[in-house]
Amino acid sequence: MGCVCVKPVKHTPGYEDPVILASETTFTVSEVEALYELFKKISHSIIKDGLIHKEEFQLALFRNSNKKNLFADRVFDLFDAKRNGVIDFGEFVRSLSIFHPDTEKTEKISFAFRLYDLRHTGFIEPDELKEMVLALLNESDLCLSDDVVQQIVDKTFAEADKKGDGKIDPDEWKEFVVQNPSLLKNMTLPYLKDITMAFPSFVMKSEVNDDEMM
């Protein structure tokens, strides 16, 4: 009687059980499995080691692997939860879940706060906000004068900094975003709800104008 030899499936580094990842995120098991195929495609686009490097991340999300952009760097840093310079599959799914249309708004607000908190101080300060506004405008190929950018920053702090201490804390940020929901526009990627149907062109496009930033 012969035996059946089953060849073990080789997974990428940092692979985690889709059932576990689905239980910890907004995705279903089938969606996580589809994301694994997408992850493999991205993680082999430049460096074929099964991990997503910053150049691959920027190429996938922003169609450019060389363009220096603070917004792209900040998103990568937040995906890179282990802080080791690469994104493994578990990090990819957990972070991408923030952008799912069905993810709680509070999670999106918290992620957006960390995006703007460049110095990791637990507050958003004027210079951090200005840097991010400039980065978002640059990614959108919009050109505004420094005076207009400063007006955006000043107006934001006039509305958000309720304590008047020159910085925005998480509670002030939450209240401000609730009043200005367009700030969360980039925190939702509608196609993630249909990830099992077809692979999207995996691009985050920042469409920001001065009216939405104010």
N, C-alpha and C. Protein backbone atom coordinates (compact mmCIF):
# COMPACT_ATOMS: atom_id res chain seq x y z
N MET A 1 0.85 -1.20 0.00
CA MET A 1 0.00 0.00 0.00
C MET A 1 0.89 1.25 0.00
N GLY A 2 0.72 2.09 -0.97
CA GLY A 2 1.56 3.27 -1.08
C GLY A 2 1.14 4.38 -0.15
N CYS A 3 2.03 5.30 0.06
CA CYS A 3 1.71 6.45 0.92
C CYS A 3 1.66 7.71 0.05
N VAL A 4 0.87 8.63 0.53
CA VAL A 4 0.73 9.90 -0.19
C VAL A 4 1.63 10.93 0.48
N CYS A 5 2.54 11.48 -0.27
CA CYS A 5 3.44 12.49 0.28
C CYS A 5 2.88 13.88 -0.03
N VAL A 6 2.65 14.63 1.01
CA VAL A 6 2.13 15.98 0.84
C VAL A 6 3.28 16.97 1.00
N LYS A 7 3.53 17.71 -0.04
CA LYS A 7 4.62 18.68 0.00
C LYS A 7 4.21 19.88 0.86
N PRO A 8 5.00 20.21 1.89
CA PRO A 8 4.63 21.33 2.75
C PRO A 8 4.58 22.65 1.98
N VAL A 9 3.60 23.45 2.32
CA VAL A 9 3.46 24.74 1.67
C VAL A 9 4.48 25.71 2.25
N LYS A 10 5.22 26.37 1.39
CA LYS A 10 6.22 27.32 1.85
C LYS A 10 5.61 28.71 1.92
N HIS A 11 5.61 29.29 3.10
CA HIS A 11 5.05 30.61 3.29
C HIS A 11 6.15 31.66 3.43
N THR A 12 5.78 32.90 3.25
CA THR A 12 6.74 34.00 3.41
C THR A 12 7.06 34.21 4.88
N PRO A 13 8.20 34.87 5.20
CA PRO A 13 8.53 35.18 6.59
C PRO A 13 7.42 36.02 7.23
N GLY A 14 7.10 35.72 8.48
CA GLY A 14 6.07 36.50 9.16
C GLY A 14 4.66 36.07 8.81
N TYR A 15 4.52 34.95 8.10
CA TYR A 15 3.18 34.46 7.75
C TYR A 15 2.42 34.08 9.02
N GLU A 16 1.14 34.41 9.04
CA GLU A 16 0.29 34.04 10.17
C GLU A 16 -0.99 33.41 9.66
N ASP A 17 -1.59 32.58 10.48
CA ASP A 17 -2.81 31.87 10.13
C ASP A 17 -3.92 32.86 9.78
N PRO A 18 -4.51 32.75 8.58
CA PRO A 18 -5.60 33.65 8.18
C PRO A 18 -6.77 33.67 9.17
N VAL A 19 -7.03 32.55 9.83
CA VAL A 19 -8.13 32.50 10.79
C VAL A 19 -7.85 33.43 11.98
N ILE A 20 -6.59 33.41 12.43
CA ILE A 20 -6.20 34.28 13.55
C ILE A 20 -6.24 35.74 13.13
N LEU A 21 -5.69 36.03 11.95
CA LEU A 21 -5.67 37.41 11.48
C LEU A 21 -7.09 37.94 11.26
N ALA A 22 -7.97 37.09 10.76
CA ALA A 22 -9.36 37.50 10.56
C ALA A 22 -10.04 37.81 11.89
N SER A 23 -9.69 37.05 12.93
CA SER A 23 -10.30 37.28 14.24
C SER A 23 -9.84 38.58 14.89
N GLU A 24 -8.68 39.09 14.43
CA GLU A 24 -8.11 40.30 15.03
C GLU A 24 -8.32 41.54 14.17
N THR A 25 -8.92 41.37 12.99
CA THR A 25 -9.09 42.49 12.07
C THR A 25 -10.52 42.53 11.54
N THR A 26 -10.77 43.46 10.64
CA THR A 26 -12.09 43.59 10.01
C THR A 26 -12.26 42.61 8.86
N PHE A 27 -11.17 42.01 8.39
CA PHE A 27 -11.23 41.11 7.24
C PHE A 27 -11.81 39.74 7.59
N THR A 28 -12.40 39.10 6.58
CA THR A 28 -12.83 37.71 6.70
C THR A 28 -11.64 36.82 6.38
N VAL A 29 -11.78 35.51 6.63
CA VAL A 29 -10.70 34.58 6.33
C VAL A 29 -10.38 34.58 4.84
N SER A 30 -11.40 34.58 3.99
CA SER A 30 -11.17 34.57 2.54
C SER A 30 -10.50 35.86 2.07
N GLU A 31 -10.83 36.99 2.73
CA GLU A 31 -10.19 38.26 2.39
C GLU A 31 -8.72 38.24 2.78
N VAL A 32 -8.41 37.66 3.95
CA VAL A 32 -7.01 37.55 4.38
C VAL A 32 -6.23 36.68 3.40
N GLU A 33 -6.85 35.59 2.94
CA GLU A 33 -6.18 34.72 1.98
C GLU A 33 -5.91 35.46 0.66
N ALA A 34 -6.86 36.29 0.24
CA ALA A 34 -6.65 37.09 -0.97
C ALA A 34 -5.54 38.11 -0.76
N LEU A 35 -5.50 38.69 0.44
CA LEU A 35 -4.45 39.67 0.76
C LEU A 35 -3.07 39.01 0.76
N TYR A 36 -3.02 37.72 1.09
CA TYR A 36 -1.73 37.02 1.07
C TYR A 36 -1.18 36.96 -0.35
N GLU A 37 -2.06 36.72 -1.33
CA GLU A 37 -1.62 36.70 -2.72
C GLU A 37 -1.11 38.08 -3.14
N LEU A 38 -1.82 39.12 -2.70
CA LEU A 38 -1.40 40.49 -2.99
C LEU A 38 -0.07 40.80 -2.30
N PHE A 39 0.05 40.36 -1.04
CA PHE A 39 1.28 40.58 -0.27
C PHE A 39 2.47 39.94 -0.98
N LYS A 40 2.30 38.71 -1.45
CA LYS A 40 3.40 38.02 -2.13
C LYS A 40 3.83 38.78 -3.39
N LYS A 41 2.84 39.30 -4.09
CA LYS A 41 3.13 40.05 -5.32
C LYS A 41 3.95 41.30 -5.01
N ILE A 42 3.54 42.04 -3.97
CA ILE A 42 4.26 43.27 -3.59
C ILE A 42 5.64 42.95 -3.05
N SER A 43 5.73 41.92 -2.21
CA SER A 43 6.99 41.60 -1.52
C SER A 43 8.04 40.99 -2.44
N HIS A 44 7.66 40.67 -3.68
CA HIS A 44 8.63 40.16 -4.65
C HIS A 44 8.83 41.12 -5.82
N SER A 45 8.31 42.33 -5.69
CA SER A 45 8.38 43.27 -6.82
C SER A 45 9.78 43.81 -7.07
N ILE A 46 10.58 43.94 -6.02
CA ILE A 46 11.94 44.45 -6.17
C ILE A 46 12.95 43.51 -5.51
N ILE A 47 12.74 43.25 -4.23
CA ILE A 47 13.62 42.35 -3.46
C ILE A 47 12.82 41.09 -3.15
N LYS A 48 13.24 39.98 -3.71
CA LYS A 48 12.43 38.76 -3.64
C LYS A 48 12.72 37.97 -2.36
N ASP A 49 12.32 38.55 -1.21
CA ASP A 49 12.57 37.87 0.06
C ASP A 49 11.30 37.64 0.87
N GLY A 50 10.14 37.94 0.27
CA GLY A 50 8.89 37.69 0.97
C GLY A 50 8.58 38.69 2.06
N LEU A 51 9.26 39.80 2.06
CA LEU A 51 9.00 40.90 3.00
C LEU A 51 8.85 42.18 2.18
N ILE A 52 8.04 43.11 2.66
CA ILE A 52 7.86 44.35 1.93
C ILE A 52 8.83 45.41 2.45
N HIS A 53 9.71 45.83 1.57
CA HIS A 53 10.67 46.89 1.89
C HIS A 53 10.06 48.23 1.50
N LYS A 54 10.65 49.30 2.00
CA LYS A 54 10.08 50.63 1.78
C LYS A 54 9.93 50.94 0.28
N GLU A 55 10.93 50.56 -0.52
CA GLU A 55 10.86 50.84 -1.95
C GLU A 55 9.67 50.11 -2.59
N GLU A 56 9.44 48.87 -2.17
CA GLU A 56 8.32 48.09 -2.70
C GLU A 56 6.99 48.67 -2.24
N PHE A 57 6.97 49.12 -1.00
CA PHE A 57 5.76 49.73 -0.43
C PHE A 57 5.38 50.98 -1.20
N GLN A 58 6.38 51.84 -1.46
CA GLN A 58 6.12 53.07 -2.19
C GLN A 58 5.73 52.80 -3.63
N LEU A 59 6.32 51.79 -4.23
CA LEU A 59 5.98 51.44 -5.60
C LEU A 59 4.54 50.95 -5.69
N ALA A 60 4.12 50.15 -4.71
CA ALA A 60 2.77 49.59 -4.69
C ALA A 60 1.72 50.64 -4.37
N LEU A 61 2.01 51.47 -3.38
CA LEU A 61 1.02 52.44 -2.93
C LEU A 61 1.06 53.75 -3.70
N PHE A 62 2.23 54.14 -4.15
CA PHE A 62 2.37 55.47 -4.74
C PHE A 62 2.95 55.45 -6.14
N ARG A 63 3.14 54.23 -6.69
CA ARG A 63 3.65 54.08 -8.06
C ARG A 63 5.03 54.70 -8.24
N ASN A 64 5.78 54.82 -7.18
CA ASN A 64 7.12 55.40 -7.29
C ASN A 64 7.98 54.84 -6.16
N SER A 65 9.09 54.21 -6.50
CA SER A 65 9.93 53.59 -5.47
C SER A 65 11.05 54.51 -4.99
N ASN A 66 11.26 55.63 -5.68
CA ASN A 66 12.39 56.49 -5.34
C ASN A 66 11.99 57.85 -4.78
N LYS A 67 10.78 58.30 -5.09
CA LYS A 67 10.36 59.63 -4.67
C LYS A 67 10.29 59.74 -3.15
N LYS A 68 11.03 60.66 -2.59
CA LYS A 68 11.03 60.86 -1.14
C LYS A 68 9.75 61.62 -0.76
N ASN A 69 9.01 61.05 0.15
CA ASN A 69 7.77 61.70 0.57
C ASN A 69 7.48 61.36 2.03
N LEU A 70 7.28 62.38 2.84
CA LEU A 70 7.06 62.18 4.26
C LEU A 70 5.80 61.37 4.51
N PHE A 71 4.75 61.61 3.72
CA PHE A 71 3.50 60.87 3.90
C PHE A 71 3.74 59.37 3.70
N ALA A 72 4.43 59.01 2.62
CA ALA A 72 4.73 57.60 2.35
C ALA A 72 5.58 57.01 3.47
N ASP A 73 6.57 57.76 3.94
CA ASP A 73 7.43 57.29 5.03
C ASP A 73 6.63 57.05 6.31
N ARG A 74 5.71 57.96 6.62
CA ARG A 74 4.92 57.82 7.86
C ARG A 74 3.99 56.61 7.78
N VAL A 75 3.36 56.40 6.63
CA VAL A 75 2.47 55.24 6.49
C VAL A 75 3.29 53.95 6.62
N PHE A 76 4.47 53.91 5.99
CA PHE A 76 5.33 52.73 6.10
C PHE A 76 5.72 52.49 7.55
N ASP A 77 6.13 53.54 8.24
CA ASP A 77 6.56 53.40 9.64
C ASP A 77 5.44 52.85 10.52
N LEU A 78 4.20 53.26 10.27
CA LEU A 78 3.08 52.77 11.07
C LEU A 78 2.73 51.33 10.72
N PHE A 79 2.93 50.93 9.47
CA PHE A 79 2.72 49.53 9.08
C PHE A 79 3.81 48.65 9.70
N ASP A 80 5.02 49.20 9.80
CA ASP A 80 6.18 48.46 10.33
C ASP A 80 6.12 48.45 11.86
N ALA A 81 5.18 47.68 12.41
CA ALA A 81 4.95 47.67 13.86
C ALA A 81 6.14 47.16 14.65
N LYS A 82 6.93 46.25 14.06
CA LYS A 82 8.09 45.68 14.77
C LYS A 82 9.31 46.61 14.68
N ARG A 83 9.19 47.67 13.90
CA ARG A 83 10.27 48.66 13.75
C ARG A 83 11.58 48.03 13.29
N ASN A 84 11.48 47.10 12.34
CA ASN A 84 12.70 46.45 11.84
C ASN A 84 12.98 46.76 10.37
N GLY A 85 12.29 47.76 9.83
CA GLY A 85 12.58 48.23 8.49
C GLY A 85 11.91 47.48 7.36
N VAL A 86 11.11 46.47 7.69
CA VAL A 86 10.35 45.72 6.68
C VAL A 86 8.96 45.43 7.22
N ILE A 87 8.04 45.06 6.31
CA ILE A 87 6.67 44.73 6.71
C ILE A 87 6.42 43.27 6.39
N ASP A 88 6.08 42.48 7.42
CA ASP A 88 5.74 41.08 7.16
C ASP A 88 4.23 40.95 6.97
N PHE A 89 3.78 39.75 6.69
CA PHE A 89 2.37 39.56 6.33
C PHE A 89 1.41 39.94 7.45
N GLY A 90 1.74 39.57 8.68
CA GLY A 90 0.87 39.92 9.80
C GLY A 90 0.73 41.42 9.98
N GLU A 91 1.84 42.13 9.87
CA GLU A 91 1.81 43.59 9.97
C GLU A 91 0.99 44.19 8.84
N PHE A 92 1.15 43.63 7.66
CA PHE A 92 0.46 44.12 6.47
C PHE A 92 -1.06 44.04 6.66
N VAL A 93 -1.54 42.89 7.11
CA VAL A 93 -2.98 42.70 7.26
C VAL A 93 -3.54 43.55 8.40
N ARG A 94 -2.86 43.55 9.54
CA ARG A 94 -3.37 44.31 10.69
C ARG A 94 -3.42 45.81 10.41
N SER A 95 -2.40 46.32 9.74
CA SER A 95 -2.38 47.75 9.44
C SER A 95 -3.37 48.10 8.34
N LEU A 96 -3.45 47.25 7.32
CA LEU A 96 -4.36 47.52 6.22
C LEU A 96 -5.82 47.48 6.68
N SER A 97 -6.08 46.73 7.74
CA SER A 97 -7.44 46.64 8.28
C SER A 97 -7.98 47.99 8.71
N ILE A 98 -7.06 48.89 9.10
CA ILE A 98 -7.48 50.25 9.49
C ILE A 98 -8.21 50.93 8.34
N PHE A 99 -7.83 50.60 7.12
CA PHE A 99 -8.38 51.27 5.93
C PHE A 99 -9.64 50.60 5.38
N HIS A 100 -10.07 49.53 6.03
CA HIS A 100 -11.27 48.82 5.59
C HIS A 100 -12.50 49.71 5.85
N PRO A 101 -13.45 49.76 4.91
CA PRO A 101 -14.64 50.61 5.09
C PRO A 101 -15.43 50.30 6.36
N ASP A 102 -15.36 49.06 6.85
CA ASP A 102 -16.16 48.68 8.02
C ASP A 102 -15.41 48.84 9.34
N THR A 103 -14.16 49.27 9.30
CA THR A 103 -13.40 49.47 10.53
C THR A 103 -13.94 50.66 11.31
N GLU A 104 -13.99 50.52 12.63
CA GLU A 104 -14.52 51.58 13.49
C GLU A 104 -13.80 52.90 13.24
N LYS A 105 -14.56 53.98 13.24
CA LYS A 105 -14.01 55.30 12.98
C LYS A 105 -12.97 55.69 14.04
N THR A 106 -13.16 55.21 15.26
CA THR A 106 -12.21 55.55 16.33
C THR A 106 -10.81 55.03 16.02
N GLU A 107 -10.74 53.85 15.37
CA GLU A 107 -9.44 53.29 15.00
C GLU A 107 -8.79 54.13 13.91
N LYS A 108 -9.59 54.59 12.98
CA LYS A 108 -9.08 55.43 11.90
C LYS A 108 -8.57 56.76 12.45
N ILE A 109 -9.33 57.33 13.40
CA ILE A 109 -8.94 58.60 14.02
C ILE A 109 -7.61 58.45 14.74
N SER A 110 -7.46 57.34 15.47
CA SER A 110 -6.22 57.08 16.21
C SER A 110 -5.04 56.91 15.27
N PHE A 111 -5.24 56.19 14.17
CA PHE A 111 -4.17 55.97 13.19
C PHE A 111 -3.76 57.30 12.56
N ALA A 112 -4.76 58.11 12.21
CA ALA A 112 -4.47 59.42 11.60
C ALA A 112 -3.70 60.30 12.57
N PHE A 113 -4.05 60.24 13.86
CA PHE A 113 -3.32 61.03 14.86
C PHE A 113 -1.84 60.63 14.89
N ARG A 114 -1.59 59.33 14.90
CA ARG A 114 -0.20 58.85 14.93
C ARG A 114 0.54 59.23 13.64
N LEU A 115 -0.20 59.32 12.54
CA LEU A 115 0.39 59.73 11.27
C LEU A 115 0.96 61.14 11.37
N TYR A 116 0.23 62.02 12.05
CA TYR A 116 0.64 63.43 12.17
C TYR A 116 1.61 63.65 13.34
N ASP A 117 1.63 62.75 14.31
CA ASP A 117 2.51 62.90 15.47
C ASP A 117 3.91 62.43 15.10
N LEU A 118 4.60 63.24 14.33
CA LEU A 118 5.89 62.86 13.75
C LEU A 118 6.96 62.57 14.79
N ARG A 119 6.94 63.30 15.90
CA ARG A 119 8.01 63.14 16.92
C ARG A 119 7.64 62.14 18.00
N HIS A 120 6.49 61.50 17.87
CA HIS A 120 6.03 60.49 18.84
C HIS A 120 5.93 61.06 20.25
N THR A 121 5.41 62.28 20.36
CA THR A 121 5.30 62.92 21.67
C THR A 121 3.92 62.75 22.29
N GLY A 122 2.96 62.22 21.52
CA GLY A 122 1.61 62.11 22.02
C GLY A 122 0.79 63.37 21.75
N PHE A 123 1.37 64.30 21.00
CA PHE A 123 0.69 65.54 20.62
C PHE A 123 1.02 65.86 19.16
N ILE A 124 0.15 66.62 18.51
CA ILE A 124 0.45 67.16 17.19
C ILE A 124 0.79 68.63 17.37
N GLU A 125 1.99 69.02 16.95
CA GLU A 125 2.44 70.39 17.11
C GLU A 125 2.41 71.09 15.75
N PRO A 126 2.41 72.43 15.74
CA PRO A 126 2.26 73.17 14.48
C PRO A 126 3.26 72.79 13.39
N ASP A 127 4.52 72.60 13.76
CA ASP A 127 5.52 72.28 12.73
C ASP A 127 5.28 70.88 12.14
N GLU A 128 4.76 69.95 12.96
CA GLU A 128 4.45 68.61 12.47
C GLU A 128 3.29 68.67 11.47
N LEU A 129 2.26 69.42 11.83
CA LEU A 129 1.11 69.56 10.94
C LEU A 129 1.53 70.20 9.62
N LYS A 130 2.38 71.22 9.69
CA LYS A 130 2.83 71.89 8.46
C LYS A 130 3.61 70.94 7.57
N GLU A 131 4.49 70.14 8.17
CA GLU A 131 5.26 69.17 7.39
C GLU A 131 4.35 68.18 6.68
N MET A 132 3.32 67.71 7.38
CA MET A 132 2.42 66.72 6.80
C MET A 132 1.55 67.34 5.71
N VAL A 133 1.09 68.57 5.93
CA VAL A 133 0.28 69.26 4.91
C VAL A 133 1.11 69.41 3.64
N LEU A 134 2.37 69.82 3.78
CA LEU A 134 3.24 69.97 2.61
C LEU A 134 3.47 68.63 1.91
N ALA A 135 3.63 67.55 2.69
CA ALA A 135 3.84 66.23 2.12
C ALA A 135 2.61 65.75 1.36
N LEU A 136 1.44 65.98 1.94
CA LEU A 136 0.19 65.57 1.28
C LEU A 136 -0.05 66.36 0.00
N LEU A 137 0.26 67.64 0.05
CA LEU A 137 0.10 68.47 -1.15
C LEU A 137 1.08 68.03 -2.24
N ASN A 138 2.28 67.69 -1.83
CA ASN A 138 3.30 67.23 -2.77
C ASN A 138 2.87 65.93 -3.44
N GLU A 139 2.30 65.02 -2.64
CA GLU A 139 1.83 63.74 -3.18
C GLU A 139 0.68 63.95 -4.16
N SER A 140 -0.11 65.00 -3.92
CA SER A 140 -1.26 65.29 -4.78
C SER A 140 -0.90 66.20 -5.95
N ASP A 141 0.39 66.55 -6.03
CA ASP A 141 0.85 67.47 -7.09
C ASP A 141 0.14 68.82 -7.04
N LEU A 142 -0.25 69.22 -5.84
CA LEU A 142 -0.84 70.55 -5.66
C LEU A 142 0.22 71.49 -5.15
N CYS A 143 0.20 72.71 -5.62
CA CYS A 143 1.19 73.69 -5.21
C CYS A 143 0.50 74.89 -4.58
N LEU A 144 0.74 75.08 -3.29
CA LEU A 144 0.20 76.23 -2.58
C LEU A 144 1.35 77.04 -2.02
N SER A 145 1.16 78.33 -1.92
CA SER A 145 2.21 79.19 -1.37
C SER A 145 2.39 78.88 0.11
N ASP A 146 3.55 79.26 0.62
CA ASP A 146 3.83 79.02 2.04
C ASP A 146 2.83 79.76 2.93
N ASP A 147 2.40 80.94 2.48
CA ASP A 147 1.42 81.71 3.25
C ASP A 147 0.10 80.96 3.37
N VAL A 148 -0.34 80.33 2.29
CA VAL A 148 -1.60 79.58 2.32
C VAL A 148 -1.47 78.35 3.22
N VAL A 149 -0.34 77.67 3.12
CA VAL A 149 -0.11 76.50 3.98
C VAL A 149 -0.12 76.92 5.45
N GLN A 150 0.52 78.04 5.75
CA GLN A 150 0.54 78.53 7.13
C GLN A 150 -0.86 78.89 7.59
N GLN A 151 -1.67 79.44 6.70
CA GLN A 151 -3.06 79.76 7.04
C GLN A 151 -3.85 78.49 7.40
N ILE A 152 -3.58 77.41 6.65
CA ILE A 152 -4.23 76.13 6.94
C ILE A 152 -3.85 75.65 8.33
N VAL A 153 -2.56 75.72 8.65
CA VAL A 153 -2.08 75.29 9.96
C VAL A 153 -2.69 76.15 11.07
N ASP A 154 -2.66 77.46 10.87
CA ASP A 154 -3.19 78.38 11.89
C ASP A 154 -4.68 78.16 12.11
N LYS A 155 -5.42 77.97 11.02
CA LYS A 155 -6.87 77.77 11.13
C LYS A 155 -7.17 76.45 11.84
N THR A 156 -6.38 75.43 11.51
CA THR A 156 -6.56 74.13 12.16
C THR A 156 -6.35 74.23 13.67
N PHE A 157 -5.29 74.92 14.07
CA PHE A 157 -5.01 75.04 15.50
C PHE A 157 -6.02 75.94 16.20
N ALA A 158 -6.51 76.94 15.50
CA ALA A 158 -7.52 77.82 16.09
C ALA A 158 -8.79 77.02 16.42
N GLU A 159 -9.11 76.03 15.58
CA GLU A 159 -10.31 75.23 15.79
C GLU A 159 -10.05 74.02 16.70
N ALA A 160 -8.90 73.39 16.56
CA ALA A 160 -8.66 72.12 17.26
C ALA A 160 -8.04 72.27 18.65
N ASP A 161 -7.17 73.26 18.80
CA ASP A 161 -6.44 73.42 20.07
C ASP A 161 -7.32 74.12 21.11
N LYS A 162 -8.26 73.36 21.66
CA LYS A 162 -9.22 73.94 22.60
C LYS A 162 -8.56 74.46 23.87
N LYS A 163 -7.48 73.83 24.30
CA LYS A 163 -6.80 74.24 25.52
C LYS A 163 -5.91 75.46 25.30
N GLY A 164 -5.62 75.76 24.03
CA GLY A 164 -4.79 76.91 23.72
C GLY A 164 -3.35 76.77 24.18
N ASP A 165 -2.85 75.51 24.24
CA ASP A 165 -1.47 75.30 24.70
C ASP A 165 -0.49 75.05 23.55
N GLY A 166 -0.94 75.32 22.31
CA GLY A 166 -0.02 75.20 21.18
C GLY A 166 0.21 73.80 20.68
N LYS A 167 -0.62 72.85 21.10
CA LYS A 167 -0.50 71.47 20.61
C LYS A 167 -1.87 70.81 20.68
N ILE A 168 -2.05 69.77 19.87
CA ILE A 168 -3.32 69.07 19.79
C ILE A 168 -3.16 67.70 20.42
N ASP A 169 -3.94 67.42 21.46
CA ASP A 169 -3.87 66.11 22.10
C ASP A 169 -4.89 65.17 21.45
N PRO A 170 -4.85 63.87 21.77
CA PRO A 170 -5.75 62.90 21.11
C PRO A 170 -7.23 63.24 21.24
N ASP A 171 -7.64 63.74 22.40
CA ASP A 171 -9.06 64.08 22.58
C ASP A 171 -9.45 65.28 21.71
N GLU A 172 -8.58 66.29 21.64
CA GLU A 172 -8.85 67.45 20.79
C GLU A 172 -8.89 67.04 19.33
N TRP A 173 -7.97 66.13 18.96
CA TRP A 173 -7.93 65.64 17.58
C TRP A 173 -9.22 64.91 17.22
N LYS A 174 -9.67 64.05 18.14
CA LYS A 174 -10.90 63.29 17.88
C LYS A 174 -12.08 64.23 17.66
N GLU A 175 -12.20 65.25 18.51
CA GLU A 175 -13.30 66.20 18.38
C GLU A 175 -13.21 66.97 17.06
N PHE A 176 -11.99 67.34 16.68
CA PHE A 176 -11.78 68.10 15.45
C PHE A 176 -12.13 67.26 14.22
N VAL A 177 -11.72 65.99 14.22
CA VAL A 177 -11.98 65.12 13.08
C VAL A 177 -13.48 64.83 12.95
N VAL A 178 -14.16 64.67 14.07
CA VAL A 178 -15.61 64.45 14.03
C VAL A 178 -16.31 65.63 13.35
N GLN A 179 -15.78 66.83 13.59
CA GLN A 179 -16.35 68.03 12.98
C GLN A 179 -15.87 68.23 11.54
N ASN A 180 -14.77 67.58 11.18
CA ASN A 180 -14.20 67.70 9.83
C ASN A 180 -13.91 66.31 9.26
N PRO A 181 -14.94 65.55 8.94
CA PRO A 181 -14.77 64.14 8.52
C PRO A 181 -13.93 63.96 7.26
N SER A 182 -13.77 65.01 6.44
CA SER A 182 -12.97 64.86 5.23
C SER A 182 -11.51 64.52 5.55
N LEU A 183 -11.08 64.80 6.78
CA LEU A 183 -9.72 64.47 7.19
C LEU A 183 -9.47 62.97 7.20
N LEU A 184 -10.54 62.18 7.28
CA LEU A 184 -10.41 60.73 7.30
C LEU A 184 -10.58 60.10 5.92
N LYS A 185 -10.70 60.93 4.89
CA LYS A 185 -10.95 60.40 3.55
C LYS A 185 -9.90 59.40 3.13
N ASN A 186 -8.64 59.69 3.44
CA ASN A 186 -7.55 58.79 3.07
C ASN A 186 -7.43 57.58 3.98
N MET A 187 -8.27 57.51 5.00
CA MET A 187 -8.23 56.39 5.93
C MET A 187 -9.16 55.25 5.51
N THR A 188 -9.81 55.38 4.37
CA THR A 188 -10.70 54.33 3.88
C THR A 188 -10.41 54.03 2.42
N LEU A 189 -10.18 52.75 2.13
CA LEU A 189 -9.96 52.28 0.76
C LEU A 189 -11.13 51.36 0.41
N PRO A 190 -12.11 51.89 -0.34
CA PRO A 190 -13.35 51.14 -0.60
C PRO A 190 -13.15 49.75 -1.18
N TYR A 191 -12.11 49.56 -2.03
CA TYR A 191 -11.95 48.27 -2.70
C TYR A 191 -11.57 47.14 -1.74
N LEU A 192 -11.15 47.47 -0.51
CA LEU A 192 -10.80 46.41 0.43
C LEU A 192 -12.01 45.55 0.78
N LYS A 193 -13.19 46.10 0.57
CA LYS A 193 -14.41 45.35 0.84
C LYS A 193 -14.63 44.29 -0.24
N ASP A 194 -13.99 44.45 -1.40
CA ASP A 194 -14.16 43.52 -2.51
C ASP A 194 -12.84 42.87 -2.90
N ILE A 195 -11.95 42.73 -1.93
CA ILE A 195 -10.59 42.25 -2.22
C ILE A 195 -10.60 40.83 -2.79
N THR A 196 -11.63 40.04 -2.47
CA THR A 196 -11.66 38.67 -2.96
C THR A 196 -12.14 38.60 -4.41
N MET A 197 -12.73 39.67 -4.92
CA MET A 197 -13.27 39.66 -6.28
C MET A 197 -12.19 39.84 -7.33
N ALA A 198 -11.28 40.77 -7.07
CA ALA A 198 -10.21 41.04 -8.03
C ALA A 198 -9.16 41.89 -7.35
N PHE A 199 -7.92 41.72 -7.76
CA PHE A 199 -6.87 42.55 -7.18
C PHE A 199 -7.03 43.97 -7.66
N PRO A 200 -6.99 44.91 -6.75
CA PRO A 200 -7.08 46.31 -7.16
C PRO A 200 -5.72 46.79 -7.65
N SER A 201 -5.70 47.92 -8.29
CA SER A 201 -4.42 48.58 -8.50
C SER A 201 -4.15 49.23 -7.16
N PHE A 202 -3.17 48.69 -6.47
CA PHE A 202 -3.01 49.02 -5.05
C PHE A 202 -2.36 50.38 -4.89
N VAL A 203 -3.17 51.42 -5.00
CA VAL A 203 -2.63 52.78 -4.96
C VAL A 203 -3.42 53.63 -3.99
N MET A 204 -2.72 54.28 -3.09
CA MET A 204 -3.34 55.27 -2.22
C MET A 204 -3.07 56.63 -2.84
N LYS A 205 -4.10 57.31 -3.24
CA LYS A 205 -3.92 58.62 -3.86
C LYS A 205 -4.42 59.68 -2.90
N SER A 206 -3.55 60.56 -2.52
CA SER A 206 -3.94 61.62 -1.60
C SER A 206 -4.50 62.79 -2.39
N GLU A 207 -5.79 62.99 -2.27
CA GLU A 207 -6.42 64.10 -2.99
C GLU A 207 -6.82 65.15 -1.97
N VAL A 208 -5.92 66.08 -1.77
CA VAL A 208 -6.14 67.07 -0.73
C VAL A 208 -6.13 68.45 -1.33
N ASN A 209 -7.11 69.26 -0.96
CA ASN A 209 -7.04 70.66 -1.35
C ASN A 209 -7.17 71.51 -0.10
N ASP A 210 -6.95 72.79 -0.26
CA ASP A 210 -6.92 73.65 0.93
C ASP A 210 -8.26 73.70 1.64
N ASP A 211 -9.37 73.54 0.93
CA ASP A 211 -10.67 73.57 1.59
C ASP A 211 -10.84 72.39 2.53
N GLU A 212 -10.35 71.21 2.09
CA GLU A 212 -10.52 70.01 2.91
C GLU A 212 -9.58 70.01 4.11
N MET A 213 -8.44 70.63 3.99
CA MET A 213 -7.49 70.64 5.10
C MET A 213 -7.95 71.59 6.18
N MET A 214 -8.79 72.58 5.82
CA MET A 214 -9.20 73.60 6.80
C MET A 214 -10.33 73.07 7.66
